[in-house]
């Protein structure tokens, strides 16, 4: 396998990455990953939210699911999500 995605960089640390960076939930108009524009929130539950978004390159509607920042520290909730 000579694919770049499978190469291992031996200079990287093997230390745990630590807790994920917590950012605010997405809102209408936000552009995520440079390609998804959030249109509206479709629903929100105890652990997460689902939003309607437009894939900007493909011009297609998609649904994206996010874990809410307030539960990111709960290992059980993260595992269930």
C-alpha atoms as a PDB file:
ATOM      1  CA  UNK A   1       0.000   0.000   0.000  1.00  0.00           C
ATOM      2  CA  UNK A   2       1.677   3.174  -1.114  1.00  0.00           C
ATOM      3  CA  UNK A   3      -1.331   5.413  -0.576  1.00  0.00           C
ATOM      4  CA  UNK A   4      -0.374   8.574   1.348  1.00  0.00           C
ATOM      5  CA  UNK A   5      -3.324   8.090   3.697  1.00  0.00           C
ATOM      6  CA  UNK A   6      -1.809   4.854   5.001  1.00  0.00           C
ATOM      7  CA  UNK A   7       1.675   6.242   5.727  1.00  0.00           C
ATOM      8  CA  UNK A   8       2.671   6.642   9.343  1.00  0.00           C
ATOM      9  CA  UNK A   9       4.631   9.691  10.441  1.00  0.00           C
ATOM     10  CA  UNK A  10       7.021   8.408  13.094  1.00  0.00           C
ATOM     11  CA  UNK A  11       7.647  11.956  14.301  1.00  0.00           C
ATOM     12  CA  UNK A  12       4.116  12.258  15.681  1.00  0.00           C
ATOM     13  CA  UNK A  13       3.567  11.780  19.376  1.00  0.00           C
ATOM     14  CA  UNK A  14       1.823   8.684  20.671  1.00  0.00           C
ATOM     15  CA  UNK A  15       0.347  10.667  23.584  1.00  0.00           C
ATOM     16  CA  UNK A  16      -3.467  10.678  23.885  1.00  0.00           C
ATOM     17  CA  UNK A  17      -5.058  13.584  22.076  1.00  0.00           C
ATOM     18  CA  UNK A  18      -7.017  14.650  25.150  1.00  0.00           C
ATOM     19  CA  UNK A  19     -10.611  15.840  25.186  1.00  0.00           C
ATOM     20  CA  UNK A  20     -12.031  17.096  21.894  1.00  0.00           C
ATOM     21  CA  UNK A  21     -12.178  20.819  21.288  1.00  0.00           C
ATOM     22  CA  UNK A  22     -15.692  21.969  22.090  1.00  0.00           C
ATOM     23  CA  UNK A  23     -17.213  24.560  19.798  1.00  0.00           C
ATOM     24  CA  UNK A  24     -20.671  26.085  19.783  1.00  0.00           C
ATOM     25  CA  UNK A  25     -23.443  24.245  17.919  1.00  0.00           C
ATOM     26  CA  UNK A  26     -23.814  25.210  14.249  1.00  0.00           C
ATOM     27  CA  UNK A  27     -26.374  27.832  13.275  1.00  0.00           C
ATOM     28  CA  UNK A  28     -28.022  28.973  10.034  1.00  0.00           C
ATOM     29  CA  UNK A  29     -25.544  30.450   7.602  1.00  0.00           C
ATOM     30  CA  UNK A  30     -22.457  28.773   9.092  1.00  0.00           C
ATOM     31  CA  UNK A  31     -20.208  27.012   6.572  1.00  0.00           C
ATOM     32  CA  UNK A  32     -18.591  23.871   7.937  1.00  0.00           C
ATOM     33  CA  UNK A  33     -15.499  22.156   6.545  1.00  0.00           C
ATOM     34  CA  UNK A  34     -15.602  24.666   3.707  1.00  0.00           C
ATOM     35  CA  UNK A  35     -18.410  22.786   1.998  1.00  0.00           C
ATOM     36  CA  UNK A  36     -21.611  22.532   4.065  1.00  0.00           C
ATOM     37  CA  UNK A  37     -23.802  25.616   4.578  1.00  0.00           C
ATOM     38  CA  UNK A  38     -26.205  25.161   7.472  1.00  0.00           C
ATOM     39  CA  UNK A  39     -29.768  25.979   6.466  1.00  0.00           C
ATOM     40  CA  UNK A  40     -31.762  25.243   9.629  1.00  0.00           C
ATOM     41  CA  UNK A  41     -32.015  23.054  12.695  1.00  0.00           C
ATOM     42  CA  UNK A  42     -34.300  20.079  12.076  1.00  0.00           C
ATOM     43  CA  UNK A  43     -34.342  18.757  15.617  1.00  0.00           C
ATOM     44  CA  UNK A  44     -32.532  18.597  18.918  1.00  0.00           C
ATOM     45  CA  UNK A  45     -32.481  15.908  21.581  1.00  0.00           C
ATOM     46  CA  UNK A  46     -30.685  15.240  24.816  1.00  0.00           C
ATOM     47  CA  UNK A  47     -27.366  14.394  23.164  1.00  0.00           C
ATOM     48  CA  UNK A  48     -27.347  15.990  19.756  1.00  0.00           C
ATOM     49  CA  UNK A  49     -28.934  17.993  17.022  1.00  0.00           C
ATOM     50  CA  UNK A  50     -29.660  17.399  13.346  1.00  0.00           C
ATOM     51  CA  UNK A  51     -29.412  20.208  10.824  1.00  0.00           C
ATOM     52  CA  UNK A  52     -30.349  20.622   7.198  1.00  0.00           C
ATOM     53  CA  UNK A  53     -27.392  21.794   5.128  1.00  0.00           C
ATOM     54  CA  UNK A  54     -26.421  22.354   1.519  1.00  0.00           C
ATOM     55  CA  UNK A  55     -23.299  20.716   0.103  1.00  0.00           C
ATOM     56  CA  UNK A  56     -21.942  23.752  -1.722  1.00  0.00           C
ATOM     57  CA  UNK A  57     -20.039  21.912  -4.471  1.00  0.00           C
ATOM     58  CA  UNK A  58     -22.711  19.333  -5.233  1.00  0.00           C
ATOM     59  CA  UNK A  59     -25.633  21.705  -4.580  1.00  0.00           C
ATOM     60  CA  UNK A  60     -27.426  18.925  -2.711  1.00  0.00           C
ATOM     61  CA  UNK A  61     -29.314  19.003   0.561  1.00  0.00           C
ATOM     62  CA  UNK A  62     -27.881  16.847   3.332  1.00  0.00           C
ATOM     63  CA  UNK A  63     -28.617  16.199   6.990  1.00  0.00           C
ATOM     64  CA  UNK A  64     -25.784  16.503   9.502  1.00  0.00           C
ATOM     65  CA  UNK A  65     -25.864  15.242  13.074  1.00  0.00           C
ATOM     66  CA  UNK A  66     -23.847  16.880  15.860  1.00  0.00           C
ATOM     67  CA  UNK A  67     -23.232  16.044  19.478  1.00  0.00           C
ATOM     68  CA  UNK A  68     -24.130  18.938  21.763  1.00  0.00           C
ATOM     69  CA  UNK A  69     -21.165  20.556  23.543  1.00  0.00           C
ATOM     70  CA  UNK A  70     -22.749  20.068  26.965  1.00  0.00           C
ATOM     71  CA  UNK A  71     -22.452  16.258  26.687  1.00  0.00           C
ATOM     72  CA  UNK A  72     -18.996  16.016  25.120  1.00  0.00           C
ATOM     73  CA  UNK A  73     -17.432  15.320  28.540  1.00  0.00           C
ATOM     74  CA  UNK A  74     -19.717  12.334  29.175  1.00  0.00           C
ATOM     75  CA  UNK A  75     -17.811   9.259  27.924  1.00  0.00           C
ATOM     76  CA  UNK A  76     -20.939   7.088  27.951  1.00  0.00           C
ATOM     77  CA  UNK A  77     -22.883   9.595  25.851  1.00  0.00           C
ATOM     78  CA  UNK A  78     -19.995   9.908  23.398  1.00  0.00           C
ATOM     79  CA  UNK A  79     -19.848   6.121  23.038  1.00  0.00           C
ATOM     80  CA  UNK A  80     -23.628   5.931  22.450  1.00  0.00           C
ATOM     81  CA  UNK A  81     -23.558   8.759  19.920  1.00  0.00           C
END
